[in-house]
């Protein structure tokens, strides 16, 4: 039985979250929590909250054993981009792209 947790419009670029997401794919839930706790990246904090949410979703279902769960997949897609401009010399402007991402975490029983 798959358990899904989603976080949308997260204010971090998708490539930064994918690096951390690849660390926890195919890992047991307890191992993944340990990895995320000691990874010094902003994406690790976001994924740890999302993993806690997915575990909470699994606890709501009575027929799922939380100890046998593992991270089946982490899907990180690009969200919308906020476009801003920074004033530069001689009346020019430099574009700044503030990227967002949509994260989907899928747990399954082993």
PDB file of N, CA and C in Angstrom:
ATOM      1  N   UNK A   1       0.842  -1.177   0.000  1.00  0.00           N
ATOM      2  CA  UNK A   1       0.000   0.000   0.000  1.00  0.00           C
ATOM      3  C   UNK A   1       0.888   1.241   0.000  1.00  0.00           C
ATOM      4  N   UNK A   2       0.726   2.083  -0.991  1.00  0.00           N
ATOM      5  CA  UNK A   2       1.551   3.281  -1.094  1.00  0.00           C
ATOM      6  C   UNK A   2       0.963   4.419  -0.268  1.00  0.00           C
ATOM      7  N   UNK A   3       1.827   5.142   0.394  1.00  0.00           N
ATOM      8  CA  UNK A   3       1.450   6.335   1.148  1.00  0.00           C
ATOM      9  C   UNK A   3       2.138   7.517   0.467  1.00  0.00           C
ATOM     10  N   UNK A   4       1.379   8.556   0.177  1.00  0.00           N
ATOM     11  CA  UNK A   4       1.888   9.697  -0.579  1.00  0.00           C
ATOM     12  C   UNK A   4       1.783  10.961   0.274  1.00  0.00           C
ATOM     13  N   UNK A   5       2.832  11.772   0.235  1.00  0.00           N
ATOM     14  CA  UNK A   5       2.810  13.103   0.850  1.00  0.00           C
ATOM     15  C   UNK A   5       3.363  14.091  -0.175  1.00  0.00           C
ATOM     16  N   UNK A   6       2.714  15.249  -0.275  1.00  0.00           N
ATOM     17  CA  UNK A   6       3.120  16.246  -1.263  1.00  0.00           C
ATOM     18  C   UNK A   6       3.384  17.590  -0.598  1.00  0.00           C
ATOM     19  N   UNK A   7       4.360  18.295  -1.129  1.00  0.00           N
ATOM     20  CA  UNK A   7       4.643  19.675  -0.720  1.00  0.00           C
ATOM     21  C   UNK A   7       4.771  20.484  -2.006  1.00  0.00           C
ATOM     22  N   UNK A   8       3.922  21.470  -2.165  1.00  0.00           N
ATOM     23  CA  UNK A   8       3.939  22.246  -3.388  1.00  0.00           C
ATOM     24  C   UNK A   8       4.340  23.688  -3.097  1.00  0.00           C
ATOM     25  N   UNK A   9       4.852  24.338  -4.130  1.00  0.00           N
ATOM     26  CA  UNK A   9       5.266  25.743  -4.067  1.00  0.00           C
ATOM     27  C   UNK A   9       6.357  25.970  -3.013  1.00  0.00           C
ATOM     28  N   UNK A  10       7.282  25.019  -2.880  1.00  0.00           N
ATOM     29  CA  UNK A  10       8.386  25.184  -1.939  1.00  0.00           C
ATOM     30  C   UNK A  10       9.414  26.115  -2.554  1.00  0.00           C
ATOM     31  N   UNK A  11       9.892  27.070  -1.796  1.00  0.00           N
ATOM     32  CA  UNK A  11      10.745  28.142  -2.295  1.00  0.00           C
ATOM     33  C   UNK A  11      12.215  27.706  -2.315  1.00  0.00           C
ATOM     34  N   UNK A  12      12.492  26.673  -3.112  1.00  0.00           N
ATOM     35  CA  UNK A  12      13.856  26.178  -3.325  1.00  0.00           C
ATOM     36  C   UNK A  12      13.882  25.570  -4.724  1.00  0.00           C
ATOM     37  N   UNK A  13      15.001  25.641  -5.399  1.00  0.00           N
ATOM     38  CA  UNK A  13      15.047  25.116  -6.762  1.00  0.00           C
ATOM     39  C   UNK A  13      15.008  23.587  -6.740  1.00  0.00           C
ATOM     40  N   UNK A  14      14.482  23.029  -7.805  1.00  0.00           N
ATOM     41  CA  UNK A  14      14.274  21.583  -7.866  1.00  0.00           C
ATOM     42  C   UNK A  14      15.592  20.816  -7.875  1.00  0.00           C
ATOM     43  N   UNK A  15      16.617  21.369  -8.487  1.00  0.00           N
ATOM     44  CA  UNK A  15      17.888  20.661  -8.549  1.00  0.00           C
ATOM     45  C   UNK A  15      18.521  20.496  -7.172  1.00  0.00           C
ATOM     46  N   UNK A  16      18.332  21.477  -6.298  1.00  0.00           N
ATOM     47  CA  UNK A  16      18.889  21.395  -4.947  1.00  0.00           C
ATOM     48  C   UNK A  16      18.179  20.332  -4.117  1.00  0.00           C
ATOM     49  N   UNK A  17      16.872  20.169  -4.334  1.00  0.00           N
ATOM     50  CA  UNK A  17      16.125  19.170  -3.579  1.00  0.00           C
ATOM     51  C   UNK A  17      16.393  17.779  -4.130  1.00  0.00           C
ATOM     52  N   UNK A  18      16.604  17.665  -5.441  1.00  0.00           N
ATOM     53  CA  UNK A  18      16.862  16.353  -6.046  1.00  0.00           C
ATOM     54  C   UNK A  18      18.130  15.718  -5.503  1.00  0.00           C
ATOM     55  N   UNK A  19      19.139  16.540  -5.198  1.00  0.00           N
ATOM     56  CA  UNK A  19      20.392  16.017  -4.651  1.00  0.00           C
ATOM     57  C   UNK A  19      20.133  15.296  -3.337  1.00  0.00           C
ATOM     58  N   UNK A  20      19.333  15.897  -2.474  1.00  0.00           N
ATOM     59  CA  UNK A  20      19.032  15.289  -1.173  1.00  0.00           C
ATOM     60  C   UNK A  20      18.039  14.138  -1.345  1.00  0.00           C
ATOM     61  N   UNK A  21      17.094  14.281  -2.268  1.00  0.00           N
ATOM     62  CA  UNK A  21      16.111  13.237  -2.491  1.00  0.00           C
ATOM     63  C   UNK A  21      16.739  11.935  -2.961  1.00  0.00           C
ATOM     64  N   UNK A  22      17.802  12.031  -3.757  1.00  0.00           N
ATOM     65  CA  UNK A  22      18.478  10.828  -4.222  1.00  0.00           C
ATOM     66  C   UNK A  22      19.195  10.096  -3.096  1.00  0.00           C
ATOM     67  N   UNK A  23      19.534  10.808  -2.028  1.00  0.00           N
ATOM     68  CA  UNK A  23      20.191  10.163  -0.888  1.00  0.00           C
ATOM     69  C   UNK A  23      19.272   9.203  -0.151  1.00  0.00           C
ATOM     70  N   UNK A  24      17.963   9.490  -0.131  1.00  0.00           N
ATOM     71  CA  UNK A  24      17.064   8.691   0.689  1.00  0.00           C
ATOM     72  C   UNK A  24      16.209   7.713  -0.110  1.00  0.00           C
ATOM     73  N   UNK A  25      16.328   7.691  -1.434  1.00  0.00           N
ATOM     74  CA  UNK A  25      15.550   6.746  -2.230  1.00  0.00           C
ATOM     75  C   UNK A  25      15.943   5.320  -1.882  1.00  0.00           C
ATOM     76  N   UNK A  26      14.950   4.441  -1.818  1.00  0.00           N
ATOM     77  CA  UNK A  26      15.125   3.004  -1.550  1.00  0.00           C
ATOM     78  C   UNK A  26      15.681   2.719  -0.159  1.00  0.00           C
ATOM     79  N   UNK A  27      15.529   3.662   0.766  1.00  0.00           N
ATOM     80  CA  UNK A  27      16.024   3.465   2.134  1.00  0.00           C
ATOM     81  C   UNK A  27      14.854   3.231   3.076  1.00  0.00           C
ATOM     82  N   UNK A  28      15.122   2.554   4.169  1.00  0.00           N
ATOM     83  CA  UNK A  28      14.138   2.375   5.233  1.00  0.00           C
ATOM     84  C   UNK A  28      13.801   3.750   5.819  1.00  0.00           C
ATOM     85  N   UNK A  29      12.606   3.887   6.374  1.00  0.00           N
ATOM     86  CA  UNK A  29      12.161   5.182   6.879  1.00  0.00           C
ATOM     87  C   UNK A  29      13.077   5.673   7.999  1.00  0.00           C
ATOM     88  N   UNK A  30      13.482   4.779   8.890  1.00  0.00           N
ATOM     89  CA  UNK A  30      14.351   5.190  10.002  1.00  0.00           C
ATOM     90  C   UNK A  30      15.730   5.615   9.494  1.00  0.00           C
ATOM     91  N   UNK A  31      16.264   4.889   8.508  1.00  0.00           N
ATOM     92  CA  UNK A  31      17.550   5.273   7.923  1.00  0.00           C
ATOM     93  C   UNK A  31      17.446   6.617   7.211  1.00  0.00           C
ATOM     94  N   UNK A  32      16.340   6.828   6.499  1.00  0.00           N
ATOM     95  CA  UNK A  32      16.149   8.085   5.772  1.00  0.00           C
ATOM     96  C   UNK A  32      16.061   9.266   6.742  1.00  0.00           C
ATOM     97  N   UNK A  33      15.369   9.071   7.870  1.00  0.00           N
ATOM     98  CA  UNK A  33      15.297  10.150   8.871  1.00  0.00           C
ATOM     99  C   UNK A  33      16.673  10.479   9.421  1.00  0.00           C
ATOM    100  N   UNK A  34      17.496   9.462   9.656  1.00  0.00           N
ATOM    101  CA  UNK A  34      18.857   9.692  10.140  1.00  0.00           C
ATOM    102  C   UNK A  34      19.712  10.426   9.129  1.00  0.00           C
ATOM    103  N   UNK A  35      19.588  10.061   7.868  1.00  0.00           N
ATOM    104  CA  UNK A  35      20.349  10.739   6.817  1.00  0.00           C
ATOM    105  C   UNK A  35      19.943  12.199   6.719  1.00  0.00           C
ATOM    106  N   UNK A  36      18.625  12.459   6.739  1.00  0.00           N
ATOM    107  CA  UNK A  36      18.143  13.833   6.600  1.00  0.00           C
ATOM    108  C   UNK A  36      18.499  14.689   7.807  1.00  0.00           C
ATOM    109  N   UNK A  37      18.558  14.076   8.978  1.00  0.00           N
ATOM    110  CA  UNK A  37      18.873  14.840  10.190  1.00  0.00           C
ATOM    111  C   UNK A  37      20.298  15.391  10.156  1.00  0.00           C
ATOM    112  N   UNK A  38      21.222  14.652   9.528  1.00  0.00           N
ATOM    113  CA  UNK A  38      22.624  15.061   9.534  1.00  0.00           C
ATOM    114  C   UNK A  38      23.116  15.575   8.184  1.00  0.00           C
ATOM    115  N   UNK A  39      22.205  15.890   7.281  1.00  0.00           N
ATOM    116  CA  UNK A  39      22.580  16.481   6.001  1.00  0.00           C
ATOM    117  C   UNK A  39      22.430  17.999   6.106  1.00  0.00           C
ATOM    118  N   UNK A  40      23.517  18.751   5.924  1.00  0.00           N
ATOM    119  CA  UNK A  40      23.460  20.202   6.144  1.00  0.00           C
ATOM    120  C   UNK A  40      22.991  20.979   4.916  1.00  0.00           C
ATOM    121  N   UNK A  41      21.780  20.720   4.451  1.00  0.00           N
ATOM    122  CA  UNK A  41      21.224  21.429   3.303  1.00  0.00           C
ATOM    123  C   UNK A  41      19.793  21.829   3.606  1.00  0.00           C
ATOM    124  N   UNK A  42      19.328  22.884   2.961  1.00  0.00           N
ATOM    125  CA  UNK A  42      17.961  23.347   3.172  1.00  0.00           C
ATOM    126  C   UNK A  42      16.958  22.312   2.664  1.00  0.00           C
ATOM    127  N   UNK A  43      17.301  21.613   1.589  1.00  0.00           N
ATOM    128  CA  UNK A  43      16.420  20.583   1.059  1.00  0.00           C
ATOM    129  C   UNK A  43      16.202  19.439   2.033  1.00  0.00           C
ATOM    130  N   UNK A  44      17.190  19.170   2.883  1.00  0.00           N
ATOM    131  CA  UNK A  44      17.053  18.106   3.876  1.00  0.00           C
ATOM    132  C   UNK A  44      16.009  18.467   4.922  1.00  0.00           C
ATOM    133  N   UNK A  45      15.943  19.730   5.296  1.00  0.00           N
ATOM    134  CA  UNK A  45      14.948  20.173   6.284  1.00  0.00           C
ATOM    135  C   UNK A  45      13.540  20.017   5.704  1.00  0.00           C
ATOM    136  N   UNK A  46      13.367  20.403   4.447  1.00  0.00           N
ATOM    137  CA  UNK A  46      12.062  20.301   3.801  1.00  0.00           C
ATOM    138  C   UNK A  46      11.651  18.840   3.648  1.00  0.00           C
ATOM    139  N   UNK A  47      12.586  17.990   3.196  1.00  0.00           N
ATOM    140  CA  UNK A  47      12.258  16.581   3.016  1.00  0.00           C
ATOM    141  C   UNK A  47      12.012  15.867   4.335  1.00  0.00           C
ATOM    142  N   UNK A  48      12.679  16.293   5.402  1.00  0.00           N
ATOM    143  CA  UNK A  48      12.441  15.672   6.709  1.00  0.00           C
ATOM    144  C   UNK A  48      11.018  15.974   7.191  1.00  0.00           C
ATOM    145  N   UNK A  49      10.571  17.212   7.004  1.00  0.00           N
ATOM    146  CA  UNK A  49       9.191  17.549   7.379  1.00  0.00           C
ATOM    147  C   UNK A  49       8.186  16.775   6.527  1.00  0.00           C
ATOM    148  N   UNK A  50       8.501  16.613   5.247  1.00  0.00           N
ATOM    149  CA  UNK A  50       7.610  15.874   4.366  1.00  0.00           C
ATOM    150  C   UNK A  50       7.585  14.388   4.709  1.00  0.00           C
ATOM    151  N   UNK A  51       8.737  13.833   5.079  1.00  0.00           N
ATOM    152  CA  UNK A  51       8.796  12.431   5.489  1.00  0.00           C
ATOM    153  C   UNK A  51       8.032  12.202   6.791  1.00  0.00           C
ATOM    154  N   UNK A  52       8.139  13.136   7.730  1.00  0.00           N
ATOM    155  CA  UNK A  52       7.347  13.045   8.963  1.00  0.00           C
ATOM    156  C   UNK A  52       5.853  13.096   8.657  1.00  0.00           C
ATOM    157  N   UNK A  53       5.458  13.912   7.692  1.00  0.00           N
ATOM    158  CA  UNK A  53       4.061  13.988   7.298  1.00  0.00           C
ATOM    159  C   UNK A  53       3.592  12.677   6.672  1.00  0.00           C
ATOM    160  N   UNK A  54       4.442  12.069   5.848  1.00  0.00           N
ATOM    161  CA  UNK A  54       4.077  10.796   5.218  1.00  0.00           C
ATOM    162  C   UNK A  54       3.956   9.687   6.262  1.00  0.00           C
ATOM    163  N   UNK A  55       4.830   9.699   7.265  1.00  0.00           N
ATOM    164  CA  UNK A  55       4.740   8.709   8.343  1.00  0.00           C
ATOM    165  C   UNK A  55       3.454   8.918   9.134  1.00  0.00           C
ATOM    166  N   UNK A  56       3.093  10.172   9.362  1.00  0.00           N
ATOM    167  CA  UNK A  56       1.830  10.472  10.034  1.00  0.00           C
ATOM    168  C   UNK A  56       0.636  10.009   9.219  1.00  0.00           C
ATOM    169  N   UNK A  57       0.712  10.156   7.891  1.00  0.00           N
ATOM    170  CA  UNK A  57      -0.354   9.650   7.031  1.00  0.00           C
ATOM    171  C   UNK A  57      -0.467   8.135   7.138  1.00  0.00           C
ATOM    172  N   UNK A  58       0.668   7.463   7.260  1.00  0.00           N
ATOM    173  CA  UNK A  58       0.655   6.000   7.375  1.00  0.00           C
ATOM    174  C   UNK A  58       0.073   5.555   8.713  1.00  0.00           C
ATOM    175  N   UNK A  59       0.326   6.335   9.767  1.00  0.00           N
ATOM    176  CA  UNK A  59      -0.207   5.964  11.085  1.00  0.00           C
ATOM    177  C   UNK A  59      -1.727   6.087  11.135  1.00  0.00           C
ATOM    178  N   UNK A  60      -2.296   6.932  10.290  1.00  0.00           N
ATOM    179  CA  UNK A  60      -3.745   7.076  10.245  1.00  0.00           C
ATOM    180  C   UNK A  60      -4.415   5.817   9.706  1.00  0.00           C
ATOM    181  N   UNK A  61      -3.690   5.092   8.865  1.00  0.00           N
ATOM    182  CA  UNK A  61      -4.249   3.856   8.304  1.00  0.00           C
ATOM    183  C   UNK A  61      -3.921   2.717   9.261  1.00  0.00           C
ATOM    184  N   UNK A  62      -4.922   2.006   9.713  1.00  0.00           N
ATOM    185  CA  UNK A  62      -4.739   0.992  10.756  1.00  0.00           C
ATOM    186  C   UNK A  62      -4.010  -0.246  10.258  1.00  0.00           C
ATOM    187  N   UNK A  63      -4.066  -0.535   8.963  1.00  0.00           N
ATOM    188  CA  UNK A  63      -3.509  -1.782   8.443  1.00  0.00           C
ATOM    189  C   UNK A  63      -2.076  -1.637   7.930  1.00  0.00           C
ATOM    190  N   UNK A  64      -1.428  -0.507   8.189  1.00  0.00           N
ATOM    191  CA  UNK A  64      -0.062  -0.283   7.740  1.00  0.00           C
ATOM    192  C   UNK A  64       0.879  -0.332   8.935  1.00  0.00           C
ATOM    193  N   UNK A  65       1.941  -1.153   8.831  1.00  0.00           N
ATOM    194  CA  UNK A  65       2.963  -1.219   9.874  1.00  0.00           C
ATOM    195  C   UNK A  65       4.052  -0.194   9.537  1.00  0.00           C
ATOM    196  N   UNK A  66       4.221   0.782  10.397  1.00  0.00           N
ATOM    197  CA  UNK A  66       5.137   1.896  10.119  1.00  0.00           C
ATOM    198  C   UNK A  66       6.589   1.430  10.088  1.00  0.00           C
ATOM    199  N   UNK A  67       6.920   0.374  10.839  1.00  0.00           N
ATOM    200  CA  UNK A  67       8.314  -0.090  10.900  1.00  0.00           C
ATOM    201  C   UNK A  67       8.783  -0.741   9.600  1.00  0.00           C
ATOM    202  N   UNK A  68       7.861  -1.193   8.756  1.00  0.00           N
ATOM    203  CA  UNK A  68       8.247  -1.854   7.511  1.00  0.00           C
ATOM    204  C   UNK A  68       8.237  -0.913   6.310  1.00  0.00           C
ATOM    205  N   UNK A  69       8.019   0.368   6.528  1.00  0.00           N
ATOM    206  CA  UNK A  69       7.957   1.319   5.414  1.00  0.00           C
ATOM    207  C   UNK A  69       9.344   1.679   4.894  1.00  0.00           C
ATOM    208  N   UNK A  70       9.419   1.931   3.593  1.00  0.00           N
ATOM    209  CA  UNK A  70      10.639   2.455   2.987  1.00  0.00           C
ATOM    210  C   UNK A  70      10.263   3.523   1.967  1.00  0.00           C
ATOM    211  N   UNK A  71      11.219   4.354   1.621  1.00  0.00           N
ATOM    212  CA  UNK A  71      10.991   5.434   0.664  1.00  0.00           C
ATOM    213  C   UNK A  71      11.058   4.833  -0.731  1.00  0.00           C
ATOM    214  N   UNK A  72       9.913   4.732  -1.373  1.00  0.00           N
ATOM    215  CA  UNK A  72       9.865   4.128  -2.704  1.00  0.00           C
ATOM    216  C   UNK A  72      10.374   5.088  -3.766  1.00  0.00           C
ATOM    217  N   UNK A  73       9.968   6.345  -3.686  1.00  0.00           N
ATOM    218  CA  UNK A  73      10.373   7.307  -4.705  1.00  0.00           C
ATOM    219  C   UNK A  73      10.242   8.727  -4.164  1.00  0.00           C
ATOM    220  N   UNK A  74      11.090   9.602  -4.657  1.00  0.00           N
ATOM    221  CA  UNK A  74      11.006  11.029  -4.376  1.00  0.00           C
ATOM    222  C   UNK A  74      10.989  11.739  -5.724  1.00  0.00           C
ATOM    223  N   UNK A  75       9.867  12.396  -6.028  1.00  0.00           N
ATOM    224  CA  UNK A  75       9.721  13.090  -7.304  1.00  0.00           C
ATOM    225  C   UNK A  75       9.762  14.588  -7.029  1.00  0.00           C
ATOM    226  N   UNK A  76      10.674  15.283  -7.682  1.00  0.00           N
ATOM    227  CA  UNK A  76      10.806  16.727  -7.513  1.00  0.00           C
ATOM    228  C   UNK A  76      10.620  17.377  -8.878  1.00  0.00           C
ATOM    229  N   UNK A  77       9.554  18.137  -9.028  1.00  0.00           N
ATOM    230  CA  UNK A  77       9.260  18.843 -10.272  1.00  0.00           C
ATOM    231  C   UNK A  77       9.419  20.341 -10.070  1.00  0.00           C
ATOM    232  N   UNK A  78       9.671  21.033 -11.165  1.00  0.00           N
ATOM    233  CA  UNK A  78       9.780  22.484 -11.090  1.00  0.00           C
ATOM    234  C   UNK A  78       8.404  23.114 -10.971  1.00  0.00           C
ATOM    235  N   UNK A  79       8.306  24.110 -10.135  1.00  0.00           N
ATOM    236  CA  UNK A  79       7.078  24.872 -10.000  1.00  0.00           C
ATOM    237  C   UNK A  79       7.206  26.176 -10.761  1.00  0.00           C
ATOM    238  N   UNK A  80       6.356  27.130 -10.460  1.00  0.00           N
ATOM    239  CA  UNK A  80       6.456  28.426 -11.134  1.00  0.00           C
ATOM    240  C   UNK A  80       7.703  29.195 -10.677  1.00  0.00           C
ATOM    241  N   UNK A  81       8.115  30.113 -11.503  1.00  0.00           N
ATOM    242  CA  UNK A  81       9.294  30.921 -11.209  1.00  0.00           C
ATOM    243  C   UNK A  81       8.871  32.369 -11.008  1.00  0.00           C
ATOM    244  N   UNK A  82       9.280  32.961  -9.885  1.00  0.00           N
ATOM    245  CA  UNK A  82       9.034  34.387  -9.673  1.00  0.00           C
ATOM    246  C   UNK A  82      10.145  35.160 -10.378  1.00  0.00           C
ATOM    247  N   UNK A  83       9.762  36.122 -11.170  1.00  0.00           N
ATOM    248  CA  UNK A  83      10.737  36.891 -11.927  1.00  0.00           C
ATOM    249  C   UNK A  83      10.875  38.280 -11.327  1.00  0.00           C
ATOM    250  N   UNK A  84      12.103  38.622 -10.977  1.00  0.00           N
ATOM    251  CA  UNK A  84      12.417  39.919 -10.393  1.00  0.00           C
ATOM    252  C   UNK A  84      13.559  40.542 -11.185  1.00  0.00           C
ATOM    253  N   UNK A  85      13.791  41.833 -10.984  1.00  0.00           N
ATOM    254  CA  UNK A  85      14.879  42.520 -11.674  1.00  0.00           C
ATOM    255  C   UNK A  85      15.718  43.294 -10.668  1.00  0.00           C
ATOM    256  N   UNK A  86      17.020  43.266 -10.898  1.00  0.00           N
ATOM    257  CA  UNK A  86      17.981  43.955 -10.047  1.00  0.00           C
ATOM    258  C   UNK A  86      18.562  45.122 -10.846  1.00  0.00           C
ATOM    259  N   UNK A  87      18.466  46.346 -10.343  1.00  0.00           N
ATOM    260  CA  UNK A  87      19.028  47.469 -11.089  1.00  0.00           C
ATOM    261  C   UNK A  87      20.556  47.396 -11.154  1.00  0.00           C
ATOM    262  N   UNK A  88      21.083  47.715 -12.336  1.00  0.00           N
ATOM    263  CA  UNK A  88      22.528  47.691 -12.539  1.00  0.00           C
ATOM    264  C   UNK A  88      22.985  49.045 -13.075  1.00  0.00           C
ATOM    265  N   UNK A  89      24.230  49.129 -13.416  1.00  0.00           N
ATOM    266  CA  UNK A  89      24.818  50.391 -13.851  1.00  0.00           C
ATOM    267  C   UNK A  89      24.272  50.831 -15.205  1.00  0.00           C
ATOM    268  N   UNK A  90      24.268  52.119 -15.423  1.00  0.00           N
ATOM    269  CA  UNK A  90      23.880  52.762 -16.682  1.00  0.00           C
ATOM    270  C   UNK A  90      22.442  52.430 -17.081  1.00  0.00           C
ATOM    271  N   UNK A  91      21.558  52.310 -16.113  1.00  0.00           N
ATOM    272  CA  UNK A  91      20.146  52.125 -16.396  1.00  0.00           C
ATOM    273  C   UNK A  91      19.742  50.723 -16.822  1.00  0.00           C
ATOM    274  N   UNK A  92      20.639  49.781 -16.712  1.00  0.00           N
ATOM    275  CA  UNK A  92      20.314  48.412 -17.108  1.00  0.00           C
ATOM    276  C   UNK A  92      19.678  47.658 -15.936  1.00  0.00           C
ATOM    277  N   UNK A  93      19.167  46.476 -16.245  1.00  0.00           N
ATOM    278  CA  UNK A  93      18.581  45.623 -15.209  1.00  0.00           C
ATOM    279  C   UNK A  93      18.987  44.177 -15.470  1.00  0.00           C
ATOM    280  N   UNK A  94      19.215  43.438 -14.389  1.00  0.00           N
ATOM    281  CA  UNK A  94      19.568  42.026 -14.481  1.00  0.00           C
ATOM    282  C   UNK A  94      18.395  41.199 -13.972  1.00  0.00           C
ATOM    283  N   UNK A  95      17.962  40.209 -14.756  1.00  0.00           N
ATOM    284  CA  UNK A  95      16.851  39.384 -14.273  1.00  0.00           C
ATOM    285  C   UNK A  95      17.291  38.434 -13.160  1.00  0.00           C
ATOM    286  N   UNK A  96      16.409  38.239 -12.191  1.00  0.00           N
ATOM    287  CA  UNK A  96      16.618  37.274 -11.105  1.00  0.00           C
ATOM    288  C   UNK A  96      15.439  36.317 -11.143  1.00  0.00           C
ATOM    289  N   UNK A  97      15.736  35.026 -11.184  1.00  0.00           N
ATOM    290  CA  UNK A  97      14.687  34.012 -11.204  1.00  0.00           C
ATOM    291  C   UNK A  97      14.661  33.292  -9.863  1.00  0.00           C
ATOM    292  N   UNK A  98      13.565  33.440  -9.138  1.00  0.00           N
ATOM    293  CA  UNK A  98      13.389  32.774  -7.850  1.00  0.00           C
ATOM    294  C   UNK A  98      12.536  31.532  -8.100  1.00  0.00           C
ATOM    295  N   UNK A  99      13.166  30.390  -8.080  1.00  0.00           N
ATOM    296  CA  UNK A  99      12.509  29.161  -8.501  1.00  0.00           C
ATOM    297  C   UNK A  99      11.787  28.481  -7.350  1.00  0.00           C
ATOM    298  N   UNK A 100      10.725  27.738  -7.702  1.00  0.00           N
ATOM    299  CA  UNK A 100       9.964  26.950  -6.733  1.00  0.00           C
ATOM    300  C   UNK A 100       9.915  25.509  -7.208  1.00  0.00           C
ATOM    301  N   UNK A 101       9.536  24.611  -6.312  1.00  0.00           N
ATOM    302  CA  UNK A 101       9.467  23.209  -6.687  1.00  0.00           C
ATOM    303  C   UNK A 101       8.278  22.531  -6.013  1.00  0.00           C
ATOM    304  N   UNK A 102       7.804  21.465  -6.665  1.00  0.00           N
ATOM    305  CA  UNK A 102       6.760  20.610  -6.135  1.00  0.00           C
ATOM    306  C   UNK A 102       7.409  19.266  -5.812  1.00  0.00           C
ATOM    307  N   UNK A 103       7.227  18.795  -4.573  1.00  0.00           N
ATOM    308  CA  UNK A 103       7.879  17.576  -4.120  1.00  0.00           C
ATOM    309  C   UNK A 103       6.813  16.541  -3.773  1.00  0.00           C
ATOM    310  N   UNK A 104       6.986  15.318  -4.264  1.00  0.00           N
ATOM    311  CA  UNK A 104       6.100  14.210  -3.945  1.00  0.00           C
ATOM    312  C   UNK A 104       6.953  13.086  -3.371  1.00  0.00           C
ATOM    313  N   UNK A 105       6.577  12.618  -2.183  1.00  0.00           N
ATOM    314  CA  UNK A 105       7.294  11.547  -1.493  1.00  0.00           C
ATOM    315  C   UNK A 105       6.365  10.345  -1.403  1.00  0.00           C
ATOM    316  N   UNK A 106       6.829   9.194  -1.876  1.00  0.00           N
ATOM    317  CA  UNK A 106       6.014   7.979  -1.892  1.00  0.00           C
ATOM    318  C   UNK A 106       6.669   6.929  -1.004  1.00  0.00           C
ATOM    319  N   UNK A 107       5.917   6.445  -0.027  1.00  0.00           N
ATOM    320  CA  UNK A 107       6.362   5.360   0.854  1.00  0.00           C
ATOM    321  C   UNK A 107       5.628   4.086   0.479  1.00  0.00           C
ATOM    322  N   UNK A 108       6.267   2.953   0.738  1.00  0.00           N
ATOM    323  CA  UNK A 108       5.636   1.656   0.481  1.00  0.00           C
ATOM    324  C   UNK A 108       6.110   0.670   1.527  1.00  0.00           C
ATOM    325  N   UNK A 109       5.358  -0.406   1.678  1.00  0.00           N
ATOM    326  CA  UNK A 109       5.731  -1.459   2.630  1.00  0.00           C
ATOM    327  C   UNK A 109       6.658  -2.460   1.969  1.00  0.00           C
ATOM    328  N   UNK A 110       7.663  -2.899   2.715  1.00  0.00           N
ATOM    329  CA  UNK A 110       8.592  -3.880   2.151  1.00  0.00           C
ATOM    330  C   UNK A 110       8.164  -5.286   2.497  1.00  0.00           C
TER     331      UNK A 110
END
